């Protein structure tokens, strides 16, 4: 990758980085109820890993 990255590319990559994070922990009891144990990653819409799936940014 280039040593110097344009600001626009940095902003795009930063936005894509935030889309792969887990959902907040409080969404689990809100959706399923108090006693259910579910991983918050199931509520994340974009499932992407840096090694597995590449972006077009």
N, C-alpha and C. Protein backbone atom coordinates (compact mmCIF):
# COMPACT_ATOMS: atom_id res chain seq x y z
N UNK A 1 0.85 -1.17 0.00
CA UNK A 1 0.00 0.00 0.00
C UNK A 1 0.89 1.24 0.00
N UNK A 2 0.39 2.31 -0.48
CA UNK A 2 1.18 3.53 -0.59
C UNK A 2 1.54 4.07 0.79
N UNK A 3 2.67 4.75 0.84
CA UNK A 3 3.10 5.33 2.10
C UNK A 3 2.18 6.49 2.49
N UNK A 4 1.81 7.31 1.51
CA UNK A 4 0.93 8.44 1.77
C UNK A 4 -0.49 8.07 1.32
N UNK A 5 -1.44 8.20 2.23
CA UNK A 5 -2.84 7.92 1.90
C UNK A 5 -3.62 9.23 1.90
N UNK A 6 -4.43 9.42 0.88
CA UNK A 6 -5.26 10.61 0.80
C UNK A 6 -6.28 10.61 1.94
N UNK A 7 -6.68 11.78 2.32
CA UNK A 7 -7.63 11.92 3.41
C UNK A 7 -8.95 11.24 3.08
N UNK A 8 -9.40 11.34 1.82
CA UNK A 8 -10.68 10.73 1.45
C UNK A 8 -10.63 9.22 1.60
N UNK A 9 -9.50 8.61 1.26
CA UNK A 9 -9.38 7.16 1.40
C UNK A 9 -9.34 6.76 2.88
N UNK A 10 -8.66 7.56 3.68
CA UNK A 10 -8.63 7.29 5.11
C UNK A 10 -10.02 7.34 5.72
N UNK A 11 -10.81 8.32 5.30
CA UNK A 11 -12.17 8.45 5.83
C UNK A 11 -13.03 7.27 5.41
N UNK A 12 -12.88 6.82 4.17
CA UNK A 12 -13.65 5.65 3.70
C UNK A 12 -13.27 4.39 4.46
N UNK A 13 -11.97 4.18 4.65
CA UNK A 13 -11.52 2.99 5.38
C UNK A 13 -11.96 3.03 6.84
N UNK A 14 -11.95 4.21 7.43
CA UNK A 14 -12.39 4.34 8.82
C UNK A 14 -13.87 4.05 8.97
N UNK A 15 -14.65 4.46 7.98
CA UNK A 15 -16.09 4.18 8.01
C UNK A 15 -16.35 2.68 7.89
N UNK A 16 -15.62 2.00 7.00
CA UNK A 16 -15.78 0.56 6.84
C UNK A 16 -15.31 -0.18 8.08
N UNK A 17 -14.31 0.35 8.76
CA UNK A 17 -13.81 -0.28 9.98
C UNK A 17 -14.88 -0.28 11.07
N UNK A 18 -15.65 0.79 11.14
CA UNK A 18 -16.68 0.87 12.16
C UNK A 18 -17.87 -0.02 11.88
N UNK A 19 -18.08 -0.38 10.62
CA UNK A 19 -19.24 -1.19 10.28
C UNK A 19 -19.10 -2.65 10.70
N UNK A 20 -17.87 -3.11 10.99
CA UNK A 20 -17.67 -4.51 11.33
C UNK A 20 -17.71 -4.77 12.83
N UNK A 21 -17.92 -3.74 13.62
CA UNK A 21 -17.92 -3.92 15.07
C UNK A 21 -19.20 -4.62 15.54
N UNK A 22 -19.12 -5.20 16.72
CA UNK A 22 -20.30 -5.84 17.31
C UNK A 22 -21.34 -4.80 17.67
N UNK A 23 -22.56 -5.28 17.78
CA UNK A 23 -23.63 -4.41 18.26
C UNK A 23 -23.44 -4.19 19.76
N UNK A 24 -24.05 -3.16 20.34
CA UNK A 24 -23.93 -2.94 21.78
C UNK A 24 -24.54 -4.09 22.58
N UNK A 25 -24.01 -4.32 23.77
CA UNK A 25 -24.42 -5.45 24.58
C UNK A 25 -25.88 -5.35 25.02
N UNK A 26 -26.40 -4.13 25.15
CA UNK A 26 -27.77 -3.97 25.64
C UNK A 26 -28.81 -4.33 24.59
N UNK A 27 -28.42 -4.59 23.34
CA UNK A 27 -29.39 -4.99 22.32
C UNK A 27 -29.88 -6.41 22.52
N UNK A 28 -29.09 -7.24 23.21
CA UNK A 28 -29.47 -8.65 23.40
C UNK A 28 -30.72 -8.78 24.27
N UNK A 29 -30.75 -8.22 25.49
CA UNK A 29 -31.99 -8.33 26.27
C UNK A 29 -33.15 -7.55 25.66
N UNK A 30 -32.83 -6.49 24.90
CA UNK A 30 -33.90 -5.71 24.28
C UNK A 30 -34.63 -6.54 23.21
N UNK A 31 -33.88 -7.34 22.46
CA UNK A 31 -34.48 -8.11 21.36
C UNK A 31 -35.05 -9.44 21.86
N UNK A 32 -34.27 -10.17 22.68
CA UNK A 32 -34.63 -11.55 23.04
C UNK A 32 -35.28 -11.70 24.41
N UNK A 33 -35.14 -10.72 25.28
CA UNK A 33 -35.66 -10.86 26.64
C UNK A 33 -34.51 -10.95 27.62
N UNK A 34 -34.85 -10.99 28.91
CA UNK A 34 -33.85 -10.85 29.96
C UNK A 34 -32.94 -12.06 30.09
N UNK A 35 -33.46 -13.28 29.95
CA UNK A 35 -32.66 -14.46 30.26
C UNK A 35 -31.90 -15.07 29.10
N UNK A 36 -32.05 -14.55 27.90
CA UNK A 36 -31.44 -15.15 26.71
C UNK A 36 -29.96 -14.76 26.61
N UNK A 37 -29.12 -15.74 26.28
CA UNK A 37 -27.69 -15.48 26.10
C UNK A 37 -27.37 -15.64 24.62
N UNK A 38 -27.14 -14.52 23.94
CA UNK A 38 -26.82 -14.49 22.51
C UNK A 38 -25.65 -13.55 22.32
N UNK A 39 -24.75 -13.89 21.40
CA UNK A 39 -23.60 -13.03 21.14
C UNK A 39 -24.04 -11.77 20.41
N UNK A 40 -23.56 -10.59 20.81
CA UNK A 40 -23.99 -9.35 20.16
C UNK A 40 -23.53 -9.23 18.71
N UNK A 41 -22.59 -10.05 18.29
CA UNK A 41 -22.14 -10.00 16.91
C UNK A 41 -23.20 -10.45 15.92
N UNK A 42 -24.23 -11.12 16.41
CA UNK A 42 -25.31 -11.57 15.53
C UNK A 42 -26.16 -10.41 15.05
N UNK A 43 -26.11 -9.29 15.73
CA UNK A 43 -26.92 -8.14 15.34
C UNK A 43 -26.18 -7.18 14.42
N UNK A 44 -24.93 -7.49 14.10
CA UNK A 44 -24.15 -6.65 13.21
C UNK A 44 -24.51 -6.99 11.78
N UNK A 45 -24.81 -5.98 10.97
CA UNK A 45 -25.27 -6.26 9.61
C UNK A 45 -24.14 -6.69 8.71
N UNK A 46 -22.97 -6.05 8.81
CA UNK A 46 -21.86 -6.35 7.92
C UNK A 46 -20.89 -7.28 8.62
N UNK A 47 -20.71 -8.48 8.08
CA UNK A 47 -19.73 -9.41 8.62
C UNK A 47 -18.53 -9.41 7.68
N UNK A 48 -17.44 -8.80 8.11
CA UNK A 48 -16.26 -8.74 7.27
C UNK A 48 -15.01 -8.87 8.13
N UNK A 49 -14.04 -9.64 7.64
CA UNK A 49 -12.76 -9.80 8.30
C UNK A 49 -11.68 -9.31 7.36
N UNK A 50 -10.62 -8.77 7.89
CA UNK A 50 -9.59 -8.15 7.06
C UNK A 50 -8.90 -9.15 6.16
N UNK A 51 -8.84 -10.41 6.60
CA UNK A 51 -8.14 -11.42 5.79
C UNK A 51 -9.08 -12.15 4.85
N UNK A 52 -10.33 -12.29 5.25
CA UNK A 52 -11.28 -13.10 4.50
C UNK A 52 -11.93 -12.33 3.36
N UNK A 53 -12.54 -11.20 3.65
CA UNK A 53 -13.32 -10.46 2.67
C UNK A 53 -12.72 -9.09 2.48
N UNK A 54 -12.40 -8.75 1.26
CA UNK A 54 -11.78 -7.46 0.97
C UNK A 54 -12.82 -6.42 0.58
N UNK A 55 -12.44 -5.15 0.71
CA UNK A 55 -13.32 -4.04 0.36
C UNK A 55 -12.86 -3.44 -0.96
N UNK A 56 -13.66 -2.56 -1.50
CA UNK A 56 -13.29 -1.87 -2.73
C UNK A 56 -13.01 -0.40 -2.47
N UNK A 57 -12.52 -0.11 -1.28
CA UNK A 57 -12.25 1.29 -0.91
C UNK A 57 -10.88 1.73 -1.38
